[in-house]
Amino acid sequence: MALIEKYHVVAASRAVATGQTIKEGQVVSLNSAGSVILQGSGTYDKIPYGLAGDTKSTTASSMPGIASGWQNRVSDYYDETKASAKMTVYHSGGEFATDMYNANVGSATIMSALYGVNGQLDNVDTNSTGVIVARLVQAAGAYPSGVPGVDVNGDMALGSESPTANQYCEIKLVI
């Protein structure tokens, strides 16, 4: 549901293939035409290209910590790519916090290799590509929202749809 850009090296702008639903923070690939598609296990979508920096959806925004009743881009039906048909894709390094990971990443050790598995980060390379997407630098946990409260370092925890609600892991992007 979310990607928090702490530091990034390259933010590419790529056309999005038609019919795609991609949430910010998911692992994406390129199809045979060079358009962004959700990473999967098929011929073209097996090799990860980067992390989606925008959301292409018709049902909900994927901004960090935003409840469904308070989402941006309602005028574009939650499609952040509507105006240009392009999506920001982060690649070539950086540090990010994300809730786009499978449950087993929550218990992975620091500096574990993370792979793309159907758009999510996973510490098992089930697609057998050998392509490491990221390294885990901070185990899953609550992430401060900047809103005064009591959950994390004096802030309320940032909401998410992670395998364990409101949990973000921090990664070093290596693709």
N, C-alpha and C. Protein backbone atom coordinates (compact mmCIF):
# COMPACT_ATOMS: atom_id res chain seq x y z
N MET A 1 0.81 -1.19 0.00
CA MET A 1 0.00 0.00 0.00
C MET A 1 0.85 1.24 0.00
N ALA A 2 2.11 1.15 0.41
CA ALA A 2 2.83 2.39 0.56
C ALA A 2 4.33 2.23 0.35
N LEU A 3 4.91 3.31 -0.08
CA LEU A 3 6.35 3.41 -0.22
C LEU A 3 6.74 4.77 0.34
N ILE A 4 7.70 4.76 1.25
CA ILE A 4 8.21 6.01 1.81
C ILE A 4 9.61 6.17 1.27
N GLU A 5 9.79 7.19 0.47
CA GLU A 5 11.08 7.46 -0.16
C GLU A 5 11.96 8.21 0.82
N LYS A 6 12.98 7.53 1.32
CA LYS A 6 13.92 8.18 2.23
C LYS A 6 15.04 8.82 1.41
N TYR A 7 15.65 8.03 0.54
CA TYR A 7 16.69 8.48 -0.39
C TYR A 7 16.49 7.68 -1.68
N HIS A 8 16.67 8.33 -2.81
CA HIS A 8 16.59 7.56 -4.05
C HIS A 8 17.63 8.07 -5.03
N VAL A 9 18.05 7.19 -5.92
CA VAL A 9 19.06 7.54 -6.91
C VAL A 9 18.40 7.88 -8.24
N VAL A 10 17.64 6.94 -8.81
CA VAL A 10 17.00 7.17 -10.10
C VAL A 10 15.49 7.02 -9.95
N ALA A 11 14.77 8.02 -10.42
CA ALA A 11 13.31 7.96 -10.48
C ALA A 11 12.92 8.07 -11.95
N ALA A 12 12.75 6.93 -12.60
CA ALA A 12 12.41 6.91 -14.02
C ALA A 12 10.92 7.18 -14.20
N SER A 13 10.55 7.65 -15.37
CA SER A 13 9.15 7.85 -15.72
C SER A 13 8.86 6.94 -16.90
N ARG A 14 8.01 5.92 -16.69
CA ARG A 14 7.75 4.89 -17.70
C ARG A 14 6.25 4.80 -17.98
N ALA A 15 5.92 4.52 -19.24
CA ALA A 15 4.53 4.28 -19.62
C ALA A 15 4.03 3.04 -18.89
N VAL A 16 2.74 3.05 -18.54
CA VAL A 16 2.12 1.92 -17.85
C VAL A 16 1.29 1.13 -18.85
N ALA A 17 1.46 -0.18 -18.86
CA ALA A 17 0.68 -1.04 -19.75
C ALA A 17 -0.80 -0.93 -19.39
N THR A 18 -1.65 -1.01 -20.38
CA THR A 18 -3.08 -0.93 -20.13
C THR A 18 -3.56 -2.14 -19.32
N GLY A 19 -4.59 -1.89 -18.52
CA GLY A 19 -5.19 -2.96 -17.74
C GLY A 19 -4.46 -3.31 -16.46
N GLN A 20 -3.44 -2.56 -16.09
CA GLN A 20 -2.66 -2.86 -14.89
C GLN A 20 -3.26 -2.19 -13.66
N THR A 21 -3.20 -2.87 -12.52
CA THR A 21 -3.49 -2.29 -11.21
C THR A 21 -2.22 -2.49 -10.40
N ILE A 22 -1.56 -1.38 -10.09
CA ILE A 22 -0.27 -1.43 -9.39
C ILE A 22 -0.33 -0.46 -8.23
N LYS A 23 0.05 -0.93 -7.06
CA LYS A 23 0.09 -0.08 -5.87
C LYS A 23 1.50 0.46 -5.68
N GLU A 24 1.56 1.69 -5.18
CA GLU A 24 2.84 2.31 -4.84
C GLU A 24 3.62 1.38 -3.93
N GLY A 25 4.89 1.13 -4.28
CA GLY A 25 5.75 0.28 -3.47
C GLY A 25 5.86 -1.14 -3.98
N GLN A 26 4.99 -1.55 -4.91
CA GLN A 26 5.08 -2.91 -5.43
C GLN A 26 6.24 -3.04 -6.41
N VAL A 27 6.76 -4.26 -6.54
CA VAL A 27 7.84 -4.55 -7.49
C VAL A 27 7.23 -4.63 -8.88
N VAL A 28 7.83 -3.91 -9.82
CA VAL A 28 7.32 -3.90 -11.20
C VAL A 28 8.37 -4.39 -12.18
N SER A 29 7.89 -4.81 -13.34
CA SER A 29 8.73 -5.28 -14.44
C SER A 29 8.35 -4.49 -15.68
N LEU A 30 9.01 -4.79 -16.79
CA LEU A 30 8.66 -4.19 -18.07
C LEU A 30 8.16 -5.28 -19.01
N ASN A 31 7.15 -4.96 -19.82
CA ASN A 31 6.68 -5.93 -20.81
C ASN A 31 7.49 -5.80 -22.09
N SER A 32 7.12 -6.53 -23.12
CA SER A 32 7.89 -6.53 -24.37
C SER A 32 7.90 -5.18 -25.07
N ALA A 33 6.96 -4.30 -24.73
CA ALA A 33 6.92 -2.96 -25.31
C ALA A 33 7.66 -1.94 -24.45
N GLY A 34 8.17 -2.38 -23.28
CA GLY A 34 8.88 -1.48 -22.39
C GLY A 34 7.98 -0.74 -21.44
N SER A 35 6.71 -1.16 -21.34
CA SER A 35 5.76 -0.53 -20.42
C SER A 35 5.78 -1.23 -19.07
N VAL A 36 5.43 -0.49 -18.03
CA VAL A 36 5.44 -1.02 -16.66
C VAL A 36 4.28 -1.98 -16.46
N ILE A 37 4.60 -3.14 -15.87
CA ILE A 37 3.60 -4.13 -15.47
C ILE A 37 3.95 -4.63 -14.07
N LEU A 38 2.98 -5.18 -13.37
CA LEU A 38 3.24 -5.76 -12.06
C LEU A 38 4.14 -6.97 -12.22
N GLN A 39 5.17 -7.07 -11.41
CA GLN A 39 6.11 -8.18 -11.49
C GLN A 39 5.41 -9.47 -11.11
N GLY A 40 5.69 -10.52 -11.87
CA GLY A 40 5.06 -11.82 -11.62
C GLY A 40 6.00 -12.95 -11.96
N SER A 41 5.48 -14.00 -12.55
CA SER A 41 6.31 -15.17 -12.85
C SER A 41 6.23 -15.59 -14.31
N GLY A 42 5.71 -14.72 -15.17
CA GLY A 42 5.59 -15.05 -16.59
C GLY A 42 6.86 -14.75 -17.37
N THR A 43 6.75 -14.74 -18.68
CA THR A 43 7.91 -14.54 -19.55
C THR A 43 8.52 -13.16 -19.37
N TYR A 44 7.71 -12.10 -19.50
CA TYR A 44 8.25 -10.75 -19.45
C TYR A 44 8.24 -10.16 -18.05
N ASP A 45 7.31 -10.57 -17.23
CA ASP A 45 7.19 -9.93 -15.92
C ASP A 45 8.00 -10.61 -14.83
N LYS A 46 8.78 -11.60 -15.17
CA LYS A 46 9.55 -12.35 -14.18
C LYS A 46 10.73 -11.55 -13.63
N ILE A 47 11.39 -10.78 -14.47
CA ILE A 47 12.58 -10.02 -14.06
C ILE A 47 12.16 -8.65 -13.52
N PRO A 48 12.45 -8.35 -12.25
CA PRO A 48 12.07 -7.06 -11.67
C PRO A 48 12.86 -5.90 -12.27
N TYR A 49 12.18 -4.77 -12.41
CA TYR A 49 12.79 -3.55 -12.93
C TYR A 49 13.00 -2.52 -11.83
N GLY A 50 12.06 -2.42 -10.90
CA GLY A 50 12.16 -1.42 -9.84
C GLY A 50 10.93 -1.43 -8.96
N LEU A 51 10.77 -0.35 -8.18
CA LEU A 51 9.62 -0.20 -7.28
C LEU A 51 8.71 0.90 -7.81
N ALA A 52 7.41 0.62 -7.84
CA ALA A 52 6.44 1.62 -8.28
C ALA A 52 6.42 2.80 -7.32
N GLY A 53 6.51 3.98 -7.86
CA GLY A 53 6.46 5.20 -7.06
C GLY A 53 5.11 5.86 -7.09
N ASP A 54 4.18 5.33 -7.88
CA ASP A 54 2.82 5.86 -8.01
C ASP A 54 1.85 4.68 -7.95
N THR A 55 0.58 5.01 -7.85
CA THR A 55 -0.46 3.99 -7.85
C THR A 55 -1.32 4.14 -9.10
N LYS A 56 -1.57 3.01 -9.76
CA LYS A 56 -2.53 2.98 -10.87
C LYS A 56 -3.65 2.05 -10.42
N SER A 57 -4.77 2.65 -10.04
CA SER A 57 -5.88 1.89 -9.48
C SER A 57 -7.18 2.60 -9.83
N THR A 58 -8.26 1.89 -9.71
CA THR A 58 -9.58 2.50 -9.89
C THR A 58 -10.39 2.43 -8.61
N THR A 59 -9.80 1.87 -7.55
CA THR A 59 -10.57 1.67 -6.32
C THR A 59 -10.01 2.38 -5.09
N ALA A 60 -8.71 2.65 -5.04
CA ALA A 60 -8.15 3.24 -3.82
C ALA A 60 -6.77 3.81 -4.07
N SER A 61 -6.42 4.81 -3.31
CA SER A 61 -5.07 5.36 -3.31
C SER A 61 -4.19 4.46 -2.45
N SER A 62 -2.89 4.54 -2.66
CA SER A 62 -1.98 3.74 -1.84
C SER A 62 -0.97 4.61 -1.14
N MET A 63 -1.35 5.82 -0.83
CA MET A 63 -0.45 6.70 -0.09
C MET A 63 -0.28 6.18 1.33
N PRO A 64 0.90 6.34 1.91
CA PRO A 64 1.14 5.84 3.26
C PRO A 64 0.18 6.44 4.28
N GLY A 65 -0.47 5.58 5.07
CA GLY A 65 -1.27 6.02 6.19
C GLY A 65 -2.57 6.71 5.87
N ILE A 66 -3.02 6.65 4.62
CA ILE A 66 -4.25 7.34 4.24
C ILE A 66 -5.43 6.38 4.33
N ALA A 67 -6.42 6.72 5.13
CA ALA A 67 -7.62 5.90 5.24
C ALA A 67 -8.47 6.07 3.99
N SER A 68 -9.26 5.08 3.67
CA SER A 68 -10.02 5.08 2.41
C SER A 68 -10.93 6.29 2.27
N GLY A 69 -11.42 6.84 3.35
CA GLY A 69 -12.30 8.00 3.27
C GLY A 69 -11.58 9.32 3.04
N TRP A 70 -10.25 9.31 3.08
CA TRP A 70 -9.47 10.54 2.97
C TRP A 70 -8.40 10.42 1.91
N GLN A 71 -8.73 9.85 0.78
CA GLN A 71 -7.71 9.60 -0.24
C GLN A 71 -7.63 10.71 -1.26
N ASN A 72 -6.40 10.88 -1.79
CA ASN A 72 -6.21 11.87 -2.83
C ASN A 72 -6.61 11.28 -4.19
N ARG A 73 -6.62 12.08 -5.20
CA ARG A 73 -6.86 11.66 -6.58
C ARG A 73 -8.27 11.12 -6.80
N VAL A 74 -9.23 11.52 -6.00
CA VAL A 74 -10.60 11.07 -6.21
C VAL A 74 -11.08 11.52 -7.58
N SER A 75 -10.71 12.72 -8.00
CA SER A 75 -11.13 13.23 -9.30
C SER A 75 -10.60 12.38 -10.45
N ASP A 76 -9.50 11.71 -10.24
CA ASP A 76 -8.93 10.82 -11.26
C ASP A 76 -9.22 9.36 -10.93
N TYR A 77 -10.19 9.13 -10.07
CA TYR A 77 -10.56 7.77 -9.66
C TYR A 77 -9.35 7.02 -9.10
N TYR A 78 -8.54 7.71 -8.30
CA TYR A 78 -7.38 7.17 -7.59
C TYR A 78 -6.22 6.77 -8.49
N ASP A 79 -6.25 7.18 -9.75
CA ASP A 79 -5.21 6.82 -10.70
C ASP A 79 -4.19 7.95 -10.79
N GLU A 80 -3.04 7.79 -10.13
CA GLU A 80 -2.00 8.81 -10.13
C GLU A 80 -1.28 8.92 -11.47
N THR A 81 -1.56 8.01 -12.39
CA THR A 81 -0.93 8.03 -13.71
C THR A 81 -1.87 8.58 -14.78
N LYS A 82 -3.05 9.02 -14.39
CA LYS A 82 -4.10 9.41 -15.35
C LYS A 82 -3.66 10.51 -16.31
N ALA A 83 -3.02 11.53 -15.83
CA ALA A 83 -2.68 12.67 -16.68
C ALA A 83 -1.63 12.34 -17.74
N SER A 84 -0.60 11.58 -17.36
CA SER A 84 0.51 11.32 -18.29
C SER A 84 0.56 9.89 -18.80
N ALA A 85 -0.18 8.98 -18.18
CA ALA A 85 -0.12 7.53 -18.48
C ALA A 85 1.26 6.97 -18.16
N LYS A 86 2.01 7.69 -17.31
CA LYS A 86 3.34 7.24 -16.91
C LYS A 86 3.41 7.08 -15.40
N MET A 87 4.33 6.22 -14.98
CA MET A 87 4.51 5.93 -13.57
C MET A 87 5.96 6.18 -13.18
N THR A 88 6.16 6.73 -12.00
CA THR A 88 7.51 6.83 -11.44
C THR A 88 7.95 5.43 -11.03
N VAL A 89 9.15 5.04 -11.44
CA VAL A 89 9.70 3.76 -11.03
C VAL A 89 11.10 4.00 -10.48
N TYR A 90 11.30 3.63 -9.23
CA TYR A 90 12.60 3.80 -8.58
C TYR A 90 13.47 2.58 -8.87
N HIS A 91 14.69 2.84 -9.32
CA HIS A 91 15.66 1.77 -9.54
C HIS A 91 17.06 2.33 -9.34
N SER A 92 18.04 1.49 -9.35
CA SER A 92 19.45 1.89 -9.24
C SER A 92 19.85 2.42 -7.88
N GLY A 93 19.16 2.01 -6.83
CA GLY A 93 19.60 2.35 -5.49
C GLY A 93 18.67 3.26 -4.73
N GLY A 94 18.93 3.35 -3.44
CA GLY A 94 18.15 4.20 -2.56
C GLY A 94 17.74 3.46 -1.31
N GLU A 95 17.14 4.19 -0.37
CA GLU A 95 16.60 3.60 0.85
C GLU A 95 15.13 3.97 0.96
N PHE A 96 14.32 2.97 1.28
CA PHE A 96 12.88 3.14 1.33
C PHE A 96 12.31 2.40 2.52
N ALA A 97 11.15 2.84 2.99
CA ALA A 97 10.35 2.08 3.94
C ALA A 97 9.12 1.66 3.16
N THR A 98 8.69 0.41 3.35
CA THR A 98 7.55 -0.09 2.60
C THR A 98 6.77 -1.11 3.39
N ASP A 99 5.50 -1.24 3.03
CA ASP A 99 4.67 -2.30 3.59
C ASP A 99 4.30 -3.31 2.51
N MET A 100 4.98 -3.26 1.38
CA MET A 100 4.73 -4.17 0.27
C MET A 100 5.67 -5.37 0.35
N TYR A 101 5.45 -6.21 1.34
CA TYR A 101 6.29 -7.40 1.53
C TYR A 101 5.43 -8.56 2.00
N ASN A 102 5.89 -9.76 1.73
CA ASN A 102 5.20 -10.96 2.22
C ASN A 102 5.53 -11.16 3.69
N ALA A 103 4.69 -11.90 4.40
CA ALA A 103 4.80 -12.06 5.85
C ALA A 103 6.17 -12.56 6.31
N ASN A 104 6.83 -13.43 5.54
CA ASN A 104 8.12 -13.98 5.99
C ASN A 104 9.23 -12.93 6.06
N VAL A 105 9.08 -11.81 5.38
CA VAL A 105 10.09 -10.75 5.43
C VAL A 105 10.11 -10.11 6.82
N GLY A 106 8.97 -10.11 7.50
CA GLY A 106 8.89 -9.53 8.83
C GLY A 106 9.82 -10.17 9.83
N SER A 107 10.19 -11.42 9.60
CA SER A 107 11.09 -12.10 10.53
C SER A 107 12.47 -12.36 9.92
N ALA A 108 12.75 -11.78 8.77
CA ALA A 108 14.06 -11.97 8.12
C ALA A 108 15.14 -11.22 8.89
N THR A 109 16.39 -11.64 8.70
CA THR A 109 17.51 -10.99 9.38
C THR A 109 17.99 -9.78 8.58
N ILE A 110 18.62 -8.85 9.27
CA ILE A 110 19.14 -7.65 8.63
C ILE A 110 20.13 -8.05 7.52
N MET A 111 20.05 -7.36 6.40
CA MET A 111 20.84 -7.55 5.19
C MET A 111 20.45 -8.81 4.41
N SER A 112 19.31 -9.41 4.75
CA SER A 112 18.80 -10.53 3.94
C SER A 112 18.49 -10.02 2.55
N ALA A 113 18.73 -10.87 1.55
CA ALA A 113 18.36 -10.55 0.18
C ALA A 113 16.85 -10.65 0.04
N LEU A 114 16.26 -9.65 -0.64
CA LEU A 114 14.82 -9.65 -0.89
C LEU A 114 14.60 -9.70 -2.40
N TYR A 115 13.67 -10.55 -2.82
CA TYR A 115 13.37 -10.76 -4.24
C TYR A 115 11.95 -10.30 -4.52
N GLY A 116 11.63 -10.13 -5.79
CA GLY A 116 10.27 -9.80 -6.18
C GLY A 116 9.47 -11.07 -6.41
N VAL A 117 8.34 -11.20 -5.71
CA VAL A 117 7.44 -12.34 -5.89
C VAL A 117 6.03 -11.80 -6.05
N ASN A 118 5.56 -11.81 -7.29
CA ASN A 118 4.21 -11.31 -7.62
C ASN A 118 3.98 -9.90 -7.08
N GLY A 119 4.94 -9.04 -7.27
CA GLY A 119 4.83 -7.65 -6.88
C GLY A 119 5.18 -7.34 -5.44
N GLN A 120 5.45 -8.35 -4.63
CA GLN A 120 5.79 -8.14 -3.22
C GLN A 120 7.25 -8.51 -2.97
N LEU A 121 7.84 -7.93 -1.96
CA LEU A 121 9.18 -8.33 -1.56
C LEU A 121 9.09 -9.63 -0.75
N ASP A 122 10.03 -10.51 -0.98
CA ASP A 122 10.04 -11.82 -0.30
C ASP A 122 11.49 -12.23 -0.13
N ASN A 123 11.81 -12.98 0.95
CA ASN A 123 13.19 -13.41 1.13
C ASN A 123 13.45 -14.80 0.54
N VAL A 124 12.50 -15.29 -0.26
CA VAL A 124 12.67 -16.55 -1.00
C VAL A 124 12.47 -16.25 -2.48
N ASP A 125 13.42 -16.64 -3.31
CA ASP A 125 13.37 -16.38 -4.75
C ASP A 125 12.57 -17.48 -5.46
N THR A 126 11.24 -17.44 -5.31
CA THR A 126 10.40 -18.49 -5.90
C THR A 126 10.35 -18.43 -7.42
N ASN A 127 10.70 -17.29 -8.02
CA ASN A 127 10.74 -17.18 -9.48
C ASN A 127 12.06 -17.68 -10.05
N SER A 128 13.02 -17.98 -9.19
CA SER A 128 14.34 -18.47 -9.59
C SER A 128 15.04 -17.56 -10.59
N THR A 129 14.92 -16.25 -10.39
CA THR A 129 15.60 -15.31 -11.28
C THR A 129 16.99 -14.98 -10.79
N GLY A 130 17.21 -15.08 -9.48
CA GLY A 130 18.50 -14.71 -8.91
C GLY A 130 18.69 -13.22 -8.81
N VAL A 131 17.66 -12.44 -9.18
CA VAL A 131 17.75 -10.98 -9.15
C VAL A 131 17.33 -10.48 -7.78
N ILE A 132 18.29 -9.92 -7.05
CA ILE A 132 18.00 -9.34 -5.74
C ILE A 132 17.45 -7.94 -5.96
N VAL A 133 16.28 -7.68 -5.42
CA VAL A 133 15.64 -6.38 -5.54
C VAL A 133 16.17 -5.43 -4.47
N ALA A 134 16.29 -5.93 -3.24
CA ALA A 134 16.68 -5.07 -2.13
C ALA A 134 17.33 -5.90 -1.03
N ARG A 135 17.89 -5.20 -0.07
CA ARG A 135 18.42 -5.80 1.15
C ARG A 135 17.64 -5.19 2.32
N LEU A 136 17.28 -6.02 3.26
CA LEU A 136 16.56 -5.56 4.45
C LEU A 136 17.54 -4.83 5.37
N VAL A 137 17.23 -3.59 5.72
CA VAL A 137 18.11 -2.85 6.63
C VAL A 137 17.45 -2.55 7.97
N GLN A 138 16.15 -2.71 8.07
CA GLN A 138 15.43 -2.52 9.33
C GLN A 138 14.25 -3.47 9.34
N ALA A 139 14.16 -4.29 10.36
CA ALA A 139 13.06 -5.25 10.47
C ALA A 139 11.72 -4.54 10.52
N ALA A 140 10.68 -5.27 10.18
CA ALA A 140 9.33 -4.71 10.19
C ALA A 140 8.96 -4.18 11.56
N GLY A 141 8.32 -3.02 11.57
CA GLY A 141 7.88 -2.42 12.81
C GLY A 141 7.05 -1.18 12.52
N ALA A 142 6.54 -0.57 13.56
CA ALA A 142 5.75 0.65 13.41
C ALA A 142 6.63 1.76 12.86
N TYR A 143 6.04 2.63 12.04
CA TYR A 143 6.77 3.74 11.43
C TYR A 143 6.10 5.04 11.88
N PRO A 144 6.89 6.02 12.35
CA PRO A 144 6.29 7.26 12.84
C PRO A 144 5.59 8.05 11.72
N SER A 145 4.45 8.65 12.05
CA SER A 145 3.66 9.38 11.06
C SER A 145 3.93 10.87 11.07
N GLY A 146 4.54 11.37 12.12
CA GLY A 146 4.73 12.81 12.25
C GLY A 146 3.58 13.48 12.99
N VAL A 147 2.55 12.69 13.33
CA VAL A 147 1.40 13.20 14.08
C VAL A 147 1.64 12.89 15.55
N PRO A 148 1.59 13.89 16.42
CA PRO A 148 1.84 13.65 17.84
C PRO A 148 0.95 12.55 18.40
N GLY A 149 1.54 11.70 19.20
CA GLY A 149 0.82 10.57 19.79
C GLY A 149 1.76 9.78 20.66
N VAL A 150 1.49 8.50 20.85
CA VAL A 150 2.29 7.73 21.78
C VAL A 150 2.86 6.44 21.20
N ASP A 151 2.63 6.11 19.95
CA ASP A 151 3.03 4.81 19.42
C ASP A 151 4.52 4.66 19.16
N VAL A 152 5.13 5.61 18.41
CA VAL A 152 6.52 5.48 17.98
C VAL A 152 7.24 6.80 18.16
N ASN A 153 8.25 6.81 19.02
CA ASN A 153 9.09 8.01 19.20
C ASN A 153 8.27 9.29 19.36
N GLY A 154 7.17 9.22 20.08
CA GLY A 154 6.34 10.40 20.29
C GLY A 154 5.34 10.66 19.19
N ASP A 155 5.32 9.84 18.14
CA ASP A 155 4.37 9.99 17.04
C ASP A 155 3.39 8.83 17.03
N MET A 156 2.25 9.04 16.39
CA MET A 156 1.33 7.93 16.14
C MET A 156 1.91 7.09 15.01
N ALA A 157 1.63 5.79 15.01
CA ALA A 157 2.13 4.90 13.95
C ALA A 157 1.43 5.20 12.63
N LEU A 158 2.18 5.11 11.54
CA LEU A 158 1.64 5.30 10.20
C LEU A 158 0.87 4.05 9.82
N GLY A 159 -0.34 4.21 9.33
CA GLY A 159 -1.17 3.08 8.95
C GLY A 159 -0.65 2.40 7.69
N SER A 160 -1.06 1.14 7.48
CA SER A 160 -0.63 0.39 6.30
C SER A 160 -1.52 -0.82 6.10
N GLU A 161 -1.26 -1.57 5.04
CA GLU A 161 -1.96 -2.83 4.80
C GLU A 161 -0.98 -3.99 4.79
N SER A 162 0.10 -3.86 5.53
CA SER A 162 1.13 -4.89 5.57
C SER A 162 0.57 -6.19 6.15
N PRO A 163 1.33 -7.29 6.01
CA PRO A 163 0.86 -8.55 6.58
C PRO A 163 0.48 -8.42 8.05
N THR A 164 1.21 -7.61 8.78
CA THR A 164 0.86 -7.26 10.15
C THR A 164 0.56 -5.76 10.12
N ALA A 165 -0.65 -5.39 10.38
CA ALA A 165 -1.09 -4.00 10.21
C ALA A 165 -0.12 -2.98 10.78
N ASN A 166 0.07 -1.90 10.05
CA ASN A 166 0.90 -0.76 10.44
C ASN A 166 2.37 -1.13 10.64
N GLN A 167 2.88 -2.06 9.86
CA GLN A 167 4.27 -2.47 9.95
C GLN A 167 5.00 -2.16 8.64
N TYR A 168 6.11 -1.48 8.75
CA TYR A 168 6.94 -1.16 7.59
C TYR A 168 8.32 -1.76 7.80
N CYS A 169 8.92 -2.26 6.74
CA CYS A 169 10.32 -2.65 6.82
C CYS A 169 11.10 -1.63 6.01
N GLU A 170 12.37 -1.46 6.35
CA GLU A 170 13.20 -0.52 5.61
C GLU A 170 14.19 -1.32 4.77
N ILE A 171 14.35 -0.86 3.53
CA ILE A 171 15.16 -1.60 2.57
C ILE A 171 16.17 -0.71 1.89
N LYS A 172 17.24 -1.34 1.40
CA LYS A 172 18.20 -0.70 0.53
C LYS A 172 17.96 -1.30 -0.84
N LEU A 173 17.51 -0.49 -1.78
CA LEU A 173 17.22 -0.94 -3.14
C LEU A 173 18.53 -1.24 -3.86
N VAL A 174 18.64 -2.39 -4.50
CA VAL A 174 19.89 -2.73 -5.18
C VAL A 174 19.71 -2.97 -6.69
N ILE A 175 18.48 -2.95 -7.19
CA ILE A 175 18.32 -3.09 -8.65
C ILE A 175 18.22 -1.73 -9.28
